[in-house]
Amino acid sequence: MLTSLSLKFCFMPFEILLPITNALRLTKNLVKLDLSNNGLKRGPAKFVLNALEVNTSLVDISFHGNFLDDGFAEDLSYVLQ
C-alpha cells in the first residue's frame, strides 16, 4: 500500500495534475504527499484543495516552493477548517 508520495520538482502540467487530484479523492491509504517546487499556481493547486475536502486520510502535504499567493493561503485555511 502506498502511504507516502513525493512528486517534488516534477513540474507537472495540468493534464497530469488532474488525474492525481482525482486519485486523491479515492485513496484511503495515502497519508503524506509532497508537491513542493513544482511551479504550481493558485488555479491548478485549487484542484488539489478540492480533492482534500473529500480525502480525510491525508495528514501531511507540502506545497513549499510553488508560486502560491495569499488567496491560496485563504483557500487552504478554509479546507483545513
PDB file of N, CA and C in Angstrom:
ATOM      1  N   MET A   1       0.822  -1.180   0.000  1.00  0.00           N
ATOM      2  CA  MET A   1       0.000   0.000   0.000  1.00  0.00           C
ATOM      3  C   MET A   1       0.868   1.246   0.000  1.00  0.00           C
ATOM      4  N   LEU A   2       0.537   2.169  -0.837  1.00  0.00           N
ATOM      5  CA  LEU A   2       1.248   3.433  -0.931  1.00  0.00           C
ATOM      6  C   LEU A   2       0.735   4.375   0.157  1.00  0.00           C
ATOM      7  N   THR A   3       1.627   4.798   1.052  1.00  0.00           N
ATOM      8  CA  THR A   3       1.224   5.711   2.125  1.00  0.00           C
ATOM      9  C   THR A   3       1.889   7.068   2.007  1.00  0.00           C
ATOM     10  N   SER A   4       2.964   7.155   1.221  1.00  0.00           N
ATOM     11  CA  SER A   4       3.694   8.410   1.064  1.00  0.00           C
ATOM     12  C   SER A   4       4.092   8.561  -0.396  1.00  0.00           C
ATOM     13  N   LEU A   5       3.930   9.798  -0.917  1.00  0.00           N
ATOM     14  CA  LEU A   5       4.239  10.047  -2.320  1.00  0.00           C
ATOM     15  C   LEU A   5       4.946  11.389  -2.449  1.00  0.00           C
ATOM     16  N   SER A   6       6.128  11.374  -3.039  1.00  0.00           N
ATOM     17  CA  SER A   6       6.880  12.602  -3.285  1.00  0.00           C
ATOM     18  C   SER A   6       6.874  12.897  -4.774  1.00  0.00           C
ATOM     19  N   LEU A   7       6.314  14.041  -5.126  1.00  0.00           N
ATOM     20  CA  LEU A   7       6.279  14.487  -6.516  1.00  0.00           C
ATOM     21  C   LEU A   7       6.981  15.834  -6.658  1.00  0.00           C
ATOM     22  N   LYS A   8       7.971  16.087  -5.794  1.00  0.00           N
ATOM     23  CA  LYS A   8       8.646  17.386  -5.862  1.00  0.00           C
ATOM     24  C   LYS A   8       9.553  17.459  -7.078  1.00  0.00           C
ATOM     25  N   PHE A   9       9.659  18.681  -7.602  1.00  0.00           N
ATOM     26  CA  PHE A   9      10.464  19.003  -8.782  1.00  0.00           C
ATOM     27  C   PHE A   9      10.004  18.245 -10.032  1.00  0.00           C
ATOM     28  N   CYS A  10       8.727  17.915 -10.135  1.00  0.00           N
ATOM     29  CA  CYS A  10       8.208  17.235 -11.329  1.00  0.00           C
ATOM     30  C   CYS A  10       7.697  18.220 -12.376  1.00  0.00           C
ATOM     31  N   PHE A  11       7.323  19.417 -11.946  1.00  0.00           N
ATOM     32  CA  PHE A  11       6.779  20.439 -12.841  1.00  0.00           C
ATOM     33  C   PHE A  11       5.694  19.865 -13.742  1.00  0.00           C
ATOM     34  N   MET A  12       4.711  19.249 -13.085  1.00  0.00           N
ATOM     35  CA  MET A  12       3.633  18.570 -13.791  1.00  0.00           C
ATOM     36  C   MET A  12       2.708  19.562 -14.491  1.00  0.00           C
ATOM     37  N   PRO A  13       2.390  19.303 -15.744  1.00  0.00           N
ATOM     38  CA  PRO A  13       1.364  20.119 -16.390  1.00  0.00           C
ATOM     39  C   PRO A  13      -0.005  19.756 -15.807  1.00  0.00           C
ATOM     40  N   PHE A  14      -0.955  20.620 -16.051  1.00  0.00           N
ATOM     41  CA  PHE A  14      -2.298  20.417 -15.509  1.00  0.00           C
ATOM     42  C   PHE A  14      -2.883  19.078 -15.946  1.00  0.00           C
ATOM     43  N   GLU A  15      -2.563  18.625 -17.152  1.00  0.00           N
ATOM     44  CA  GLU A  15      -3.093  17.364 -17.665  1.00  0.00           C
ATOM     45  C   GLU A  15      -2.635  16.171 -16.830  1.00  0.00           C
ATOM     46  N   ILE A  16      -1.513  16.306 -16.153  1.00  0.00           N
ATOM     47  CA  ILE A  16      -1.012  15.247 -15.272  1.00  0.00           C
ATOM     48  C   ILE A  16      -1.534  15.446 -13.851  1.00  0.00           C
ATOM     49  N   LEU A  17      -1.627  16.701 -13.431  1.00  0.00           N
ATOM     50  CA  LEU A  17      -2.097  17.003 -12.075  1.00  0.00           C
ATOM     51  C   LEU A  17      -3.558  16.593 -11.878  1.00  0.00           C
ATOM     52  N   LEU A  18      -4.377  16.756 -12.884  1.00  0.00           N
ATOM     53  CA  LEU A  18      -5.802  16.451 -12.764  1.00  0.00           C
ATOM     54  C   LEU A  18      -6.078  14.990 -12.394  1.00  0.00           C
ATOM     55  N   PRO A  19      -5.480  13.996 -13.066  1.00  0.00           N
ATOM     56  CA  PRO A  19      -5.720  12.611 -12.643  1.00  0.00           C
ATOM     57  C   PRO A  19      -5.197  12.325 -11.232  1.00  0.00           C
ATOM     58  N   ILE A  20      -4.129  13.002 -10.835  1.00  0.00           N
ATOM     59  CA  ILE A  20      -3.610  12.819  -9.477  1.00  0.00           C
ATOM     60  C   ILE A  20      -4.622  13.328  -8.460  1.00  0.00           C
ATOM     61  N   THR A  21      -5.217  14.477  -8.731  1.00  0.00           N
ATOM     62  CA  THR A  21      -6.219  15.003  -7.802  1.00  0.00           C
ATOM     63  C   THR A  21      -7.454  14.112  -7.769  1.00  0.00           C
ATOM     64  N   ASN A  22      -7.818  13.531  -8.900  1.00  0.00           N
ATOM     65  CA  ASN A  22      -8.946  12.598  -8.910  1.00  0.00           C
ATOM     66  C   ASN A  22      -8.641  11.367  -8.069  1.00  0.00           C
ATOM     67  N   ALA A  23      -7.399  10.889  -8.134  1.00  0.00           N
ATOM     68  CA  ALA A  23      -6.999   9.731  -7.326  1.00  0.00           C
ATOM     69  C   ALA A  23      -6.998  10.079  -5.839  1.00  0.00           C
ATOM     70  N   LEU A  24      -6.659  11.326  -5.502  1.00  0.00           N
ATOM     71  CA  LEU A  24      -6.676  11.749  -4.095  1.00  0.00           C
ATOM     72  C   LEU A  24      -8.075  11.636  -3.490  1.00  0.00           C
ATOM     73  N   ARG A  25      -9.072  11.829  -4.316  1.00  0.00           N
ATOM     74  CA  ARG A  25     -10.453  11.720  -3.829  1.00  0.00           C
ATOM     75  C   ARG A  25     -10.801  10.288  -3.414  1.00  0.00           C
ATOM     76  N   LEU A  26     -10.138   9.312  -4.018  1.00  0.00           N
ATOM     77  CA  LEU A  26     -10.484   7.908  -3.811  1.00  0.00           C
ATOM     78  C   LEU A  26      -9.597   7.174  -2.812  1.00  0.00           C
ATOM     79  N   THR A  27      -8.353   7.609  -2.672  1.00  0.00           N
ATOM     80  CA  THR A  27      -7.424   6.868  -1.836  1.00  0.00           C
ATOM     81  C   THR A  27      -7.732   7.027  -0.348  1.00  0.00           C
ATOM     82  N   LYS A  28      -7.535   5.962   0.366  1.00  0.00           N
ATOM     83  CA  LYS A  28      -7.731   5.965   1.817  1.00  0.00           C
ATOM     84  C   LYS A  28      -6.430   5.683   2.557  1.00  0.00           C
ATOM     85  N   ASN A  29      -5.359   5.350   1.806  1.00  0.00           N
ATOM     86  CA  ASN A  29      -4.103   4.935   2.420  1.00  0.00           C
ATOM     87  C   ASN A  29      -3.030   6.013   2.428  1.00  0.00           C
ATOM     88  N   LEU A  30      -3.078   6.937   1.495  1.00  0.00           N
ATOM     89  CA  LEU A  30      -2.050   7.951   1.384  1.00  0.00           C
ATOM     90  C   LEU A  30      -2.159   8.939   2.545  1.00  0.00           C
ATOM     91  N   VAL A  31      -1.077   9.076   3.301  1.00  0.00           N
ATOM     92  CA  VAL A  31      -1.087   9.999   4.445  1.00  0.00           C
ATOM     93  C   VAL A  31      -0.101  11.155   4.254  1.00  0.00           C
ATOM     94  N   LYS A  32       0.823  11.037   3.292  1.00  0.00           N
ATOM     95  CA  LYS A  32       1.806  12.091   3.074  1.00  0.00           C
ATOM     96  C   LYS A  32       1.981  12.326   1.581  1.00  0.00           C
ATOM     97  N   LEU A  33       1.911  13.610   1.178  1.00  0.00           N
ATOM     98  CA  LEU A  33       2.060  13.989  -0.223  1.00  0.00           C
ATOM     99  C   LEU A  33       2.949  15.225  -0.310  1.00  0.00           C
ATOM    100  N   ASP A  34       3.987  15.162  -1.121  1.00  0.00           N
ATOM    101  CA  ASP A  34       4.904  16.284  -1.296  1.00  0.00           C
ATOM    102  C   ASP A  34       4.785  16.806  -2.723  1.00  0.00           C
ATOM    103  N   LEU A  35       4.226  18.000  -2.859  1.00  0.00           N
ATOM    104  CA  LEU A  35       4.085  18.654  -4.160  1.00  0.00           C
ATOM    105  C   LEU A  35       4.984  19.879  -4.250  1.00  0.00           C
ATOM    106  N   SER A  36       6.050  19.910  -3.469  1.00  0.00           N
ATOM    107  CA  SER A  36       6.905  21.089  -3.414  1.00  0.00           C
ATOM    108  C   SER A  36       7.704  21.289  -4.696  1.00  0.00           C
ATOM    109  N   ASN A  37       7.988  22.575  -4.951  1.00  0.00           N
ATOM    110  CA  ASN A  37       8.837  23.001  -6.074  1.00  0.00           C
ATOM    111  C   ASN A  37       8.359  22.475  -7.426  1.00  0.00           C
ATOM    112  N   ASN A  38       7.082  22.667  -7.697  1.00  0.00           N
ATOM    113  CA  ASN A  38       6.500  22.247  -8.969  1.00  0.00           C
ATOM    114  C   ASN A  38       6.019  23.407  -9.830  1.00  0.00           C
ATOM    115  N   GLY A  39       6.209  24.622  -9.368  1.00  0.00           N
ATOM    116  CA  GLY A  39       5.741  25.769 -10.133  1.00  0.00           C
ATOM    117  C   GLY A  39       4.229  25.900 -10.139  1.00  0.00           C
ATOM    118  N   LEU A  40       3.573  25.300  -9.143  1.00  0.00           N
ATOM    119  CA  LEU A  40       2.106  25.365  -9.080  1.00  0.00           C
ATOM    120  C   LEU A  40       1.635  26.787  -8.813  1.00  0.00           C
ATOM    121  N   LYS A  41       0.573  27.156  -9.474  1.00  0.00           N
ATOM    122  CA  LYS A  41      -0.091  28.439  -9.228  1.00  0.00           C
ATOM    123  C   LYS A  41      -1.447  28.151  -8.597  1.00  0.00           C
ATOM    124  N   ARG A  42      -2.128  29.207  -8.177  1.00  0.00           N
ATOM    125  CA  ARG A  42      -3.361  29.055  -7.404  1.00  0.00           C
ATOM    126  C   ARG A  42      -4.425  28.237  -8.131  1.00  0.00           C
ATOM    127  N   GLY A  43      -4.637  28.478  -9.406  1.00  0.00           N
ATOM    128  CA  GLY A  43      -5.692  27.780 -10.140  1.00  0.00           C
ATOM    129  C   GLY A  43      -5.546  26.266 -10.108  1.00  0.00           C
ATOM    130  N   PRO A  44      -4.446  25.744 -10.609  1.00  0.00           N
ATOM    131  CA  PRO A  44      -4.262  24.294 -10.577  1.00  0.00           C
ATOM    132  C   PRO A  44      -4.188  23.732  -9.156  1.00  0.00           C
ATOM    133  N   ALA A  45      -3.584  24.477  -8.244  1.00  0.00           N
ATOM    134  CA  ALA A  45      -3.461  23.993  -6.867  1.00  0.00           C
ATOM    135  C   ALA A  45      -4.819  23.896  -6.186  1.00  0.00           C
ATOM    136  N   LYS A  46      -5.793  24.679  -6.643  1.00  0.00           N
ATOM    137  CA  LYS A  46      -7.136  24.600  -6.061  1.00  0.00           C
ATOM    138  C   LYS A  46      -7.777  23.241  -6.329  1.00  0.00           C
ATOM    139  N   PHE A  47      -7.403  22.581  -7.416  1.00  0.00           N
ATOM    140  CA  PHE A  47      -7.923  21.240  -7.681  1.00  0.00           C
ATOM    141  C   PHE A  47      -7.445  20.265  -6.619  1.00  0.00           C
ATOM    142  N   VAL A  48      -6.210  20.462  -6.157  1.00  0.00           N
ATOM    143  CA  VAL A  48      -5.698  19.628  -5.063  1.00  0.00           C
ATOM    144  C   VAL A  48      -6.500  19.901  -3.800  1.00  0.00           C
ATOM    145  N   LEU A  49      -6.774  21.163  -3.524  1.00  0.00           N
ATOM    146  CA  LEU A  49      -7.561  21.509  -2.328  1.00  0.00           C
ATOM    147  C   LEU A  49      -8.966  20.931  -2.397  1.00  0.00           C
ATOM    148  N   ASN A  50      -9.561  20.957  -3.568  1.00  0.00           N
ATOM    149  CA  ASN A  50     -10.899  20.371  -3.723  1.00  0.00           C
ATOM    150  C   ASN A  50     -10.885  18.886  -3.402  1.00  0.00           C
ATOM    151  N   ALA A  51      -9.833  18.195  -3.811  1.00  0.00           N
ATOM    152  CA  ALA A  51      -9.705  16.769  -3.505  1.00  0.00           C
ATOM    153  C   ALA A  51      -9.512  16.554  -2.011  1.00  0.00           C
ATOM    154  N   LEU A  52      -8.828  17.486  -1.354  1.00  0.00           N
ATOM    155  CA  LEU A  52      -8.584  17.352   0.082  1.00  0.00           C
ATOM    156  C   LEU A  52      -9.864  17.511   0.899  1.00  0.00           C
ATOM    157  N   GLU A  53     -10.855  18.163   0.335  1.00  0.00           N
ATOM    158  CA  GLU A  53     -12.141  18.279   1.031  1.00  0.00           C
ATOM    159  C   GLU A  53     -12.808  16.914   1.160  1.00  0.00           C
ATOM    160  N   VAL A  54     -12.496  15.999   0.251  1.00  0.00           N
ATOM    161  CA  VAL A  54     -13.062  14.655   0.258  1.00  0.00           C
ATOM    162  C   VAL A  54     -12.144  13.679   0.993  1.00  0.00           C
ATOM    163  N   ASN A  55     -10.840  13.837   0.810  1.00  0.00           N
ATOM    164  CA  ASN A  55      -9.857  12.929   1.380  1.00  0.00           C
ATOM    165  C   ASN A  55      -9.626  13.268   2.849  1.00  0.00           C
ATOM    166  N   THR A  56      -9.888  12.322   3.730  1.00  0.00           N
ATOM    167  CA  THR A  56      -9.694  12.557   5.162  1.00  0.00           C
ATOM    168  C   THR A  56      -8.476  11.814   5.715  1.00  0.00           C
ATOM    169  N   SER A  57      -7.800  11.034   4.884  1.00  0.00           N
ATOM    170  CA  SER A  57      -6.651  10.263   5.371  1.00  0.00           C
ATOM    171  C   SER A  57      -5.331  11.018   5.237  1.00  0.00           C
ATOM    172  N   LEU A  58      -5.242  11.964   4.323  1.00  0.00           N
ATOM    173  CA  LEU A  58      -4.016  12.707   4.106  1.00  0.00           C
ATOM    174  C   LEU A  58      -3.791  13.688   5.256  1.00  0.00           C
ATOM    175  N   VAL A  59      -2.678  13.544   5.954  1.00  0.00           N
ATOM    176  CA  VAL A  59      -2.412  14.403   7.117  1.00  0.00           C
ATOM    177  C   VAL A  59      -1.169  15.274   6.931  1.00  0.00           C
ATOM    178  N   ASP A  60      -0.380  15.038   5.888  1.00  0.00           N
ATOM    179  CA  ASP A  60       0.840  15.809   5.673  1.00  0.00           C
ATOM    180  C   ASP A  60       0.969  16.107   4.188  1.00  0.00           C
ATOM    181  N   ILE A  61       0.885  17.396   3.835  1.00  0.00           N
ATOM    182  CA  ILE A  61       1.033  17.793   2.438  1.00  0.00           C
ATOM    183  C   ILE A  61       1.943  19.012   2.382  1.00  0.00           C
ATOM    184  N   SER A  62       2.821  19.033   1.388  1.00  0.00           N
ATOM    185  CA  SER A  62       3.748  20.149   1.241  1.00  0.00           C
ATOM    186  C   SER A  62       3.526  20.838  -0.102  1.00  0.00           C
ATOM    187  N   PHE A  63       3.347  22.162  -0.035  1.00  0.00           N
ATOM    188  CA  PHE A  63       3.248  22.997  -1.225  1.00  0.00           C
ATOM    189  C   PHE A  63       4.446  23.945  -1.310  1.00  0.00           C
ATOM    190  N   HIS A  64       5.491  23.666  -0.554  1.00  0.00           N
ATOM    191  CA  HIS A  64       6.659  24.542  -0.457  1.00  0.00           C
ATOM    192  C   HIS A  64       7.271  24.827  -1.831  1.00  0.00           C
ATOM    193  N   GLY A  65       7.684  26.066  -2.036  1.00  0.00           N
ATOM    194  CA  GLY A  65       8.428  26.414  -3.241  1.00  0.00           C
ATOM    195  C   GLY A  65       7.602  26.556  -4.501  1.00  0.00           C
ATOM    196  N   ASN A  66       6.280  26.674  -4.378  1.00  0.00           N
ATOM    197  CA  ASN A  66       5.425  26.893  -5.537  1.00  0.00           C
ATOM    198  C   ASN A  66       5.075  28.375  -5.641  1.00  0.00           C
ATOM    199  N   PHE A  67       4.376  28.757  -6.692  1.00  0.00           N
ATOM    200  CA  PHE A  67       4.004  30.152  -6.916  1.00  0.00           C
ATOM    201  C   PHE A  67       2.592  30.412  -6.386  1.00  0.00           C
ATOM    202  N   LEU A  68       2.430  30.217  -5.090  1.00  0.00           N
ATOM    203  CA  LEU A  68       1.107  30.336  -4.475  1.00  0.00           C
ATOM    204  C   LEU A  68       1.008  31.661  -3.727  1.00  0.00           C
ATOM    205  N   ASP A  69      -0.149  32.299  -3.843  1.00  0.00           N
ATOM    206  CA  ASP A  69      -0.331  33.634  -3.286  1.00  0.00           C
ATOM    207  C   ASP A  69      -1.174  33.604  -2.008  1.00  0.00           C
ATOM    208  N   ASP A  70      -1.485  34.796  -1.517  1.00  0.00           N
ATOM    209  CA  ASP A  70      -2.292  34.909  -0.303  1.00  0.00           C
ATOM    210  C   ASP A  70      -3.687  34.323  -0.494  1.00  0.00           C
ATOM    211  N   GLY A  71      -4.215  34.425  -1.701  1.00  0.00           N
ATOM    212  CA  GLY A  71      -5.530  33.838  -1.982  1.00  0.00           C
ATOM    213  C   GLY A  71      -5.519  32.330  -1.795  1.00  0.00           C
ATOM    214  N   PHE A  72      -4.431  31.686  -2.197  1.00  0.00           N
ATOM    215  CA  PHE A  72      -4.306  30.243  -1.987  1.00  0.00           C
ATOM    216  C   PHE A  72      -4.246  29.932  -0.500  1.00  0.00           C
ATOM    217  N   ALA A  73      -3.542  30.755   0.258  1.00  0.00           N
ATOM    218  CA  ALA A  73      -3.461  30.550   1.712  1.00  0.00           C
ATOM    219  C   ALA A  73      -4.852  30.627   2.338  1.00  0.00           C
ATOM    220  N   GLU A  74      -5.679  31.531   1.855  1.00  0.00           N
ATOM    221  CA  GLU A  74      -7.061  31.620   2.343  1.00  0.00           C
ATOM    222  C   GLU A  74      -7.846  30.367   1.965  1.00  0.00           C
ATOM    223  N   ASP A  75      -7.680  29.916   0.720  1.00  0.00           N
ATOM    224  CA  ASP A  75      -8.358  28.686   0.276  1.00  0.00           C
ATOM    225  C   ASP A  75      -7.932  27.489   1.135  1.00  0.00           C
ATOM    226  N   LEU A  76      -6.645  27.407   1.399  1.00  0.00           N
ATOM    227  CA  LEU A  76      -6.110  26.311   2.210  1.00  0.00           C
ATOM    228  C   LEU A  76      -6.652  26.359   3.626  1.00  0.00           C
ATOM    229  N   SER A  77      -6.741  27.543   4.201  1.00  0.00           N
ATOM    230  CA  SER A  77      -7.263  27.650   5.566  1.00  0.00           C
ATOM    231  C   SER A  77      -8.729  27.212   5.628  1.00  0.00           C
ATOM    232  N   TYR A  78      -9.480  27.480   4.570  1.00  0.00           N
ATOM    233  CA  TYR A  78     -10.877  27.055   4.513  1.00  0.00           C
ATOM    234  C   TYR A  78     -10.980  25.524   4.509  1.00  0.00           C
ATOM    235  N   VAL A  79     -10.115  24.892   3.717  1.00  0.00           N
ATOM    236  CA  VAL A  79     -10.126  23.423   3.631  1.00  0.00           C
ATOM    237  C   VAL A  79      -9.711  22.797   4.958  1.00  0.00           C
ATOM    238  N   LEU A  80      -8.765  23.413   5.637  1.00  0.00           N
ATOM    239  CA  LEU A  80      -8.264  22.850   6.892  1.00  0.00           C
ATOM    240  C   LEU A  80      -9.243  22.980   8.058  1.00  0.00           C
ATOM    241  N   GLN A  81     -10.241  23.827   7.915  1.00  0.00           N
ATOM    242  CA  GLN A  81     -11.214  24.002   8.994  1.00  0.00           C
ATOM    243  C   GLN A  81     -11.934  22.744   9.223  1.00  0.00           C
TER     244      GLN A  81
END
